[in-house]
């Protein structure tokens, strides 16, 4: 996969009680691609959106005035459960996702994509602590229980929280080459788990919820 448009526009989706690292971990990596990428923030309504941890992030755009997106980032978090009943976000994603080059979800963000039917017939993963909820949400998705992240066509879905950083670097490698992803990982002093099948928390978290 190569990028054929500069700069690419990455739309980072916000909703109340999103998980901070789900959102900002990947954006730290993508932000180091400037000026080849432009990051914008989007929510149902423009303005400040509170994370589960407390700090707020400003949404520059709303669902009505959001421009076309090349890349989409959908974080997870405790707010996901409420968003599953939010028809506005479902309609918004159904409209924009098919036109995007890459759609990424972190943690329980994949639940929203699944509820919208956008992952039907595809492989995906999610947060391992609440993995059973993902499997109960949709039987049209091949949920992968042991994966740091899963790539299926234009979709990249990651495991919980910090896994989104590894996934983001994998997306950067697919768009700009492995050397660029390694360069960004080194610059941010991050030890990149390059193996999507290496899920160091799978067994431990399964023991917690079994």
C-alpha atoms as a PDB file:
ATOM      1  CA  UNK A   1       0.000   0.000   0.000  1.00  0.00           C
ATOM      2  CA  UNK A   2       1.337   3.413  -0.893  1.00  0.00           C
ATOM      3  CA  UNK A   3       0.048   6.923  -0.337  1.00  0.00           C
ATOM      4  CA  UNK A   4      -0.804   8.777  -3.539  1.00  0.00           C
ATOM      5  CA  UNK A   5      -2.017  12.033  -2.023  1.00  0.00           C
ATOM      6  CA  UNK A   6      -0.162  14.546   0.128  1.00  0.00           C
ATOM      7  CA  UNK A   7      -0.991  15.436   2.713  1.00  0.00           C
ATOM      8  CA  UNK A   8      -3.260  12.600   3.778  1.00  0.00           C
ATOM      9  CA  UNK A   9      -6.052  13.612   6.142  1.00  0.00           C
ATOM     10  CA  UNK A  10      -6.448  11.530   9.290  1.00  0.00           C
ATOM     11  CA  UNK A  11      -9.735  11.955  11.112  1.00  0.00           C
ATOM     12  CA  UNK A  12      -9.551  11.036  14.797  1.00  0.00           C
ATOM     13  CA  UNK A  13     -13.040  10.357  16.147  1.00  0.00           C
ATOM     14  CA  UNK A  14     -14.047  11.566  19.601  1.00  0.00           C
ATOM     15  CA  UNK A  15     -16.917  10.657  21.912  1.00  0.00           C
ATOM     16  CA  UNK A  16     -17.496  11.045  25.627  1.00  0.00           C
ATOM     17  CA  UNK A  17     -15.429   8.760  27.867  1.00  0.00           C
ATOM     18  CA  UNK A  18     -12.962   7.737  25.160  1.00  0.00           C
ATOM     19  CA  UNK A  19      -9.677   6.219  26.358  1.00  0.00           C
ATOM     20  CA  UNK A  20      -6.823   8.734  26.311  1.00  0.00           C
ATOM     21  CA  UNK A  21      -4.005   6.448  25.164  1.00  0.00           C
ATOM     22  CA  UNK A  22      -6.219   4.805  22.532  1.00  0.00           C
ATOM     23  CA  UNK A  23      -6.468   8.244  20.974  1.00  0.00           C
ATOM     24  CA  UNK A  24      -3.173   9.973  21.642  1.00  0.00           C
ATOM     25  CA  UNK A  25      -0.836   6.977  21.371  1.00  0.00           C
ATOM     26  CA  UNK A  26      -1.468   6.464  17.640  1.00  0.00           C
ATOM     27  CA  UNK A  27      -1.668  10.217  17.008  1.00  0.00           C
ATOM     28  CA  UNK A  28       1.809  10.691  18.493  1.00  0.00           C
ATOM     29  CA  UNK A  29       3.146   8.317  15.843  1.00  0.00           C
ATOM     30  CA  UNK A  30       1.178   9.786  12.937  1.00  0.00           C
ATOM     31  CA  UNK A  31       1.984  13.332  14.022  1.00  0.00           C
ATOM     32  CA  UNK A  32       5.638  12.663  13.265  1.00  0.00           C
ATOM     33  CA  UNK A  33       4.740  12.354   9.575  1.00  0.00           C
ATOM     34  CA  UNK A  34       4.045  16.086   9.215  1.00  0.00           C
ATOM     35  CA  UNK A  35       3.754  17.697   6.688  1.00  0.00           C
ATOM     36  CA  UNK A  36       2.759  14.526   4.817  1.00  0.00           C
ATOM     37  CA  UNK A  37      -0.251  14.021   7.047  1.00  0.00           C
ATOM     38  CA  UNK A  38      -2.862  16.343   8.538  1.00  0.00           C
ATOM     39  CA  UNK A  39      -4.667  15.256  11.697  1.00  0.00           C
ATOM     40  CA  UNK A  40      -8.153  16.561  12.418  1.00  0.00           C
ATOM     41  CA  UNK A  41     -10.529  15.774  15.276  1.00  0.00           C
ATOM     42  CA  UNK A  42     -14.202  14.951  14.768  1.00  0.00           C
ATOM     43  CA  UNK A  43     -17.170  14.398  17.072  1.00  0.00           C
ATOM     44  CA  UNK A  44     -20.953  14.493  16.847  1.00  0.00           C
ATOM     45  CA  UNK A  45     -20.731  18.149  17.834  1.00  0.00           C
ATOM     46  CA  UNK A  46     -17.734  20.465  17.632  1.00  0.00           C
ATOM     47  CA  UNK A  47     -16.169  21.468  20.926  1.00  0.00           C
ATOM     48  CA  UNK A  48     -14.616  19.871  23.990  1.00  0.00           C
ATOM     49  CA  UNK A  49     -15.061  16.127  24.537  1.00  0.00           C
ATOM     50  CA  UNK A  50     -14.137  14.542  27.872  1.00  0.00           C
ATOM     51  CA  UNK A  51     -12.035  11.396  28.063  1.00  0.00           C
ATOM     52  CA  UNK A  52     -12.733   8.705  30.656  1.00  0.00           C
ATOM     53  CA  UNK A  53      -9.588   9.812  32.478  1.00  0.00           C
ATOM     54  CA  UNK A  54     -10.833  13.411  32.608  1.00  0.00           C
ATOM     55  CA  UNK A  55      -8.819  15.634  30.234  1.00  0.00           C
ATOM     56  CA  UNK A  56     -10.837  17.066  27.367  1.00  0.00           C
ATOM     57  CA  UNK A  57      -9.972  17.248  23.685  1.00  0.00           C
ATOM     58  CA  UNK A  58     -11.468  19.749  21.259  1.00  0.00           C
ATOM     59  CA  UNK A  59     -13.295  18.375  18.226  1.00  0.00           C
ATOM     60  CA  UNK A  60     -12.631  20.729  15.312  1.00  0.00           C
ATOM     61  CA  UNK A  61     -15.322  19.237  13.097  1.00  0.00           C
ATOM     62  CA  UNK A  62     -18.741  17.674  13.548  1.00  0.00           C
ATOM     63  CA  UNK A  63     -20.429  14.922  11.555  1.00  0.00           C
ATOM     64  CA  UNK A  64     -22.009  17.455   9.211  1.00  0.00           C
ATOM     65  CA  UNK A  65     -18.948  19.492   8.204  1.00  0.00           C
ATOM     66  CA  UNK A  66     -16.272  16.794   8.379  1.00  0.00           C
ATOM     67  CA  UNK A  67     -14.198  16.707   5.178  1.00  0.00           C
ATOM     68  CA  UNK A  68     -13.346  13.514   3.316  1.00  0.00           C
ATOM     69  CA  UNK A  69     -10.914  11.361   5.262  1.00  0.00           C
ATOM     70  CA  UNK A  70      -8.043   9.262   3.976  1.00  0.00           C
ATOM     71  CA  UNK A  71      -7.433   7.634   7.351  1.00  0.00           C
ATOM     72  CA  UNK A  72      -9.843   7.113  10.241  1.00  0.00           C
ATOM     73  CA  UNK A  73      -8.894   6.440  13.861  1.00  0.00           C
ATOM     74  CA  UNK A  74     -11.605   5.198  16.222  1.00  0.00           C
ATOM     75  CA  UNK A  75     -10.521   4.819  19.855  1.00  0.00           C
ATOM     76  CA  UNK A  76     -12.176   2.637  22.448  1.00  0.00           C
ATOM     77  CA  UNK A  77     -13.006   3.313  26.053  1.00  0.00           C
ATOM     78  CA  UNK A  78     -15.831   2.973  28.533  1.00  0.00           C
ATOM     79  CA  UNK A  79     -17.883   5.349  26.398  1.00  0.00           C
ATOM     80  CA  UNK A  80     -18.066   2.700  23.694  1.00  0.00           C
ATOM     81  CA  UNK A  81     -21.085   1.014  25.270  1.00  0.00           C
ATOM     82  CA  UNK A  82     -23.180   4.167  24.955  1.00  0.00           C
ATOM     83  CA  UNK A  83     -21.957   4.760  21.395  1.00  0.00           C
ATOM     84  CA  UNK A  84     -23.267   1.352  20.371  1.00  0.00           C
ATOM     85  CA  UNK A  85     -26.739   2.880  20.643  1.00  0.00           C
ATOM     86  CA  UNK A  86     -25.759   6.111  18.886  1.00  0.00           C
ATOM     87  CA  UNK A  87     -27.222   5.955  15.396  1.00  0.00           C
ATOM     88  CA  UNK A  88     -25.498   9.208  14.459  1.00  0.00           C
ATOM     89  CA  UNK A  89     -22.006   7.737  14.751  1.00  0.00           C
ATOM     90  CA  UNK A  90     -23.128   4.596  12.925  1.00  0.00           C
ATOM     91  CA  UNK A  91     -24.458   6.620   9.994  1.00  0.00           C
ATOM     92  CA  UNK A  92     -21.371   8.825   9.970  1.00  0.00           C
ATOM     93  CA  UNK A  93     -19.002   5.856   9.820  1.00  0.00           C
ATOM     94  CA  UNK A  94     -21.078   4.059   7.187  1.00  0.00           C
ATOM     95  CA  UNK A  95     -20.733   7.131   4.995  1.00  0.00           C
ATOM     96  CA  UNK A  96     -17.022   7.855   5.453  1.00  0.00           C
ATOM     97  CA  UNK A  97     -15.363   4.476   6.056  1.00  0.00           C
ATOM     98  CA  UNK A  98     -15.971   3.056   2.547  1.00  0.00           C
ATOM     99  CA  UNK A  99     -14.133   6.039   1.039  1.00  0.00           C
ATOM    100  CA  UNK A 100     -11.125   5.907   3.387  1.00  0.00           C
ATOM    101  CA  UNK A 101      -7.812   4.268   2.529  1.00  0.00           C
ATOM    102  CA  UNK A 102      -7.424   2.867   6.041  1.00  0.00           C
ATOM    103  CA  UNK A 103      -9.767   2.613   9.015  1.00  0.00           C
ATOM    104  CA  UNK A 104      -8.200   1.902  12.400  1.00  0.00           C
ATOM    105  CA  UNK A 105      -9.796   1.018  15.706  1.00  0.00           C
ATOM    106  CA  UNK A 106      -8.157   0.647  19.085  1.00  0.00           C
ATOM    107  CA  UNK A 107      -9.483  -1.510  21.896  1.00  0.00           C
ATOM    108  CA  UNK A 108     -13.301  -1.547  21.979  1.00  0.00           C
ATOM    109  CA  UNK A 109     -13.473   0.866  19.054  1.00  0.00           C
ATOM    110  CA  UNK A 110     -13.876  -2.239  16.895  1.00  0.00           C
ATOM    111  CA  UNK A 111     -17.209  -2.868  18.605  1.00  0.00           C
ATOM    112  CA  UNK A 112     -18.597   0.275  16.997  1.00  0.00           C
ATOM    113  CA  UNK A 113     -17.343  -0.771  13.561  1.00  0.00           C
ATOM    114  CA  UNK A 114     -18.859  -4.215  14.082  1.00  0.00           C
ATOM    115  CA  UNK A 115     -22.206  -2.796  15.225  1.00  0.00           C
ATOM    116  CA  UNK A 116     -22.271  -0.656  12.083  1.00  0.00           C
ATOM    117  CA  UNK A 117     -21.760  -3.806   9.993  1.00  0.00           C
ATOM    118  CA  UNK A 118     -18.480  -2.513   8.603  1.00  0.00           C
ATOM    119  CA  UNK A 119     -16.479  -5.537   9.769  1.00  0.00           C
ATOM    120  CA  UNK A 120     -18.866  -8.169   8.437  1.00  0.00           C
ATOM    121  CA  UNK A 121     -16.910 -11.012   6.861  1.00  0.00           C
ATOM    122  CA  UNK A 122     -13.602  -9.699   8.163  1.00  0.00           C
ATOM    123  CA  UNK A 123     -11.086 -10.648  10.839  1.00  0.00           C
ATOM    124  CA  UNK A 124     -10.736  -8.272  13.773  1.00  0.00           C
ATOM    125  CA  UNK A 125      -9.621  -8.059  17.375  1.00  0.00           C
ATOM    126  CA  UNK A 126     -10.373  -5.982  20.447  1.00  0.00           C
ATOM    127  CA  UNK A 127      -9.578  -5.398  24.112  1.00  0.00           C
ATOM    128  CA  UNK A 128      -8.895  -8.765  25.752  1.00  0.00           C
ATOM    129  CA  UNK A 129     -10.438  -8.006  29.158  1.00  0.00           C
ATOM    130  CA  UNK A 130     -13.837  -7.526  27.523  1.00  0.00           C
ATOM    131  CA  UNK A 131     -13.243  -9.773  24.522  1.00  0.00           C
ATOM    132  CA  UNK A 132     -16.359 -11.865  25.161  1.00  0.00           C
ATOM    133  CA  UNK A 133     -18.476  -8.761  24.689  1.00  0.00           C
ATOM    134  CA  UNK A 134     -17.031  -8.342  21.211  1.00  0.00           C
ATOM    135  CA  UNK A 135     -17.890 -11.897  20.229  1.00  0.00           C
ATOM    136  CA  UNK A 136     -21.417 -11.472  21.568  1.00  0.00           C
ATOM    137  CA  UNK A 137     -21.862  -8.242  19.657  1.00  0.00           C
ATOM    138  CA  UNK A 138     -21.526  -9.700  16.172  1.00  0.00           C
ATOM    139  CA  UNK A 139     -21.214 -13.221  14.819  1.00  0.00           C
ATOM    140  CA  UNK A 140     -20.523 -11.788  11.361  1.00  0.00           C
ATOM    141  CA  UNK A 141     -16.962 -10.934  12.389  1.00  0.00           C
ATOM    142  CA  UNK A 142     -14.123 -13.438  12.787  1.00  0.00           C
ATOM    143  CA  UNK A 143     -12.874 -12.248  16.164  1.00  0.00           C
ATOM    144  CA  UNK A 144      -9.204 -13.104  16.711  1.00  0.00           C
ATOM    145  CA  UNK A 145      -8.595 -13.795  20.426  1.00  0.00           C
ATOM    146  CA  UNK A 146      -4.793 -13.663  20.341  1.00  0.00           C
ATOM    147  CA  UNK A 147      -3.445 -10.749  18.325  1.00  0.00           C
ATOM    148  CA  UNK A 148      -1.736  -7.455  19.045  1.00  0.00           C
ATOM    149  CA  UNK A 149      -3.509  -6.137  15.975  1.00  0.00           C
ATOM    150  CA  UNK A 150      -5.254  -7.556  12.924  1.00  0.00           C
ATOM    151  CA  UNK A 151      -5.085  -6.286   9.354  1.00  0.00           C
ATOM    152  CA  UNK A 152      -7.862  -7.215   6.948  1.00  0.00           C
ATOM    153  CA  UNK A 153      -8.051  -5.183   3.770  1.00  0.00           C
ATOM    154  CA  UNK A 154      -8.373  -1.489   4.652  1.00  0.00           C
ATOM    155  CA  UNK A 155      -9.147  -2.268   8.304  1.00  0.00           C
ATOM    156  CA  UNK A 156      -6.622  -2.376  11.132  1.00  0.00           C
ATOM    157  CA  UNK A 157      -8.046  -3.303  14.550  1.00  0.00           C
ATOM    158  CA  UNK A 158      -5.911  -3.497  17.668  1.00  0.00           C
ATOM    159  CA  UNK A 159      -6.060  -5.026  21.099  1.00  0.00           C
ATOM    160  CA  UNK A 160      -6.348  -2.841  24.183  1.00  0.00           C
ATOM    161  CA  UNK A 161      -4.999   0.642  24.840  1.00  0.00           C
ATOM    162  CA  UNK A 162      -1.212   0.590  24.176  1.00  0.00           C
ATOM    163  CA  UNK A 163      -1.651  -1.885  21.298  1.00  0.00           C
ATOM    164  CA  UNK A 164      -2.902   1.008  19.205  1.00  0.00           C
ATOM    165  CA  UNK A 165       0.634   2.385  19.065  1.00  0.00           C
ATOM    166  CA  UNK A 166       1.990  -0.842  17.569  1.00  0.00           C
ATOM    167  CA  UNK A 167      -0.890  -0.873  15.095  1.00  0.00           C
ATOM    168  CA  UNK A 168      -0.297   2.756  14.125  1.00  0.00           C
ATOM    169  CA  UNK A 169       3.338   2.022  13.330  1.00  0.00           C
ATOM    170  CA  UNK A 170       2.227  -0.944  11.213  1.00  0.00           C
ATOM    171  CA  UNK A 171      -0.089   1.342   9.254  1.00  0.00           C
ATOM    172  CA  UNK A 172       2.731   3.851   8.803  1.00  0.00           C
ATOM    173  CA  UNK A 173       4.957   1.029   7.522  1.00  0.00           C
ATOM    174  CA  UNK A 174       2.276   0.005   5.022  1.00  0.00           C
ATOM    175  CA  UNK A 175       1.872   3.558   3.734  1.00  0.00           C
ATOM    176  CA  UNK A 176       5.382   4.994   3.953  1.00  0.00           C
ATOM    177  CA  UNK A 177       7.671   1.988   4.331  1.00  0.00           C
ATOM    178  CA  UNK A 178       9.125   0.062   7.243  1.00  0.00           C
ATOM    179  CA  UNK A 179      12.140   2.349   7.555  1.00  0.00           C
ATOM    180  CA  UNK A 180       9.914   5.348   8.254  1.00  0.00           C
ATOM    181  CA  UNK A 181       7.986   3.423  10.924  1.00  0.00           C
ATOM    182  CA  UNK A 182      11.230   2.338  12.596  1.00  0.00           C
ATOM    183  CA  UNK A 183      12.537   5.903  12.436  1.00  0.00           C
ATOM    184  CA  UNK A 184       9.431   7.205  14.225  1.00  0.00           C
ATOM    185  CA  UNK A 185       9.538   4.435  16.830  1.00  0.00           C
ATOM    186  CA  UNK A 186      13.181   5.253  17.569  1.00  0.00           C
ATOM    187  CA  UNK A 187      12.564   8.995  17.653  1.00  0.00           C
ATOM    188  CA  UNK A 188       9.767   8.536  20.206  1.00  0.00           C
ATOM    189  CA  UNK A 189      11.910   6.025  22.157  1.00  0.00           C
ATOM    190  CA  UNK A 190       9.237   3.372  21.756  1.00  0.00           C
ATOM    191  CA  UNK A 191       9.953  -0.371  21.518  1.00  0.00           C
ATOM    192  CA  UNK A 192       7.732  -1.395  18.625  1.00  0.00           C
ATOM    193  CA  UNK A 193       6.163  -4.851  18.719  1.00  0.00           C
ATOM    194  CA  UNK A 194       6.265  -5.565  14.983  1.00  0.00           C
ATOM    195  CA  UNK A 195       4.593  -8.974  15.208  1.00  0.00           C
ATOM    196  CA  UNK A 196       0.791  -8.683  15.057  1.00  0.00           C
ATOM    197  CA  UNK A 197       0.412 -12.242  16.343  1.00  0.00           C
ATOM    198  CA  UNK A 198       2.507 -11.615  19.449  1.00  0.00           C
ATOM    199  CA  UNK A 199      -0.024 -10.718  22.126  1.00  0.00           C
ATOM    200  CA  UNK A 200       1.839 -10.664  25.467  1.00  0.00           C
ATOM    201  CA  UNK A 201      -1.295  -9.889  27.494  1.00  0.00           C
ATOM    202  CA  UNK A 202      -3.625 -12.482  25.974  1.00  0.00           C
ATOM    203  CA  UNK A 203      -3.051 -15.292  28.461  1.00  0.00           C
ATOM    204  CA  UNK A 204      -2.832 -13.081  31.551  1.00  0.00           C
ATOM    205  CA  UNK A 205      -6.001 -11.155  30.791  1.00  0.00           C
ATOM    206  CA  UNK A 206      -7.884 -14.324  29.896  1.00  0.00           C
ATOM    207  CA  UNK A 207      -7.003 -15.678  33.323  1.00  0.00           C
ATOM    208  CA  UNK A 208      -8.444 -12.539  34.896  1.00  0.00           C
ATOM    209  CA  UNK A 209     -11.828 -12.908  33.244  1.00  0.00           C
ATOM    210  CA  UNK A 210     -12.154 -16.702  33.000  1.00  0.00           C
END
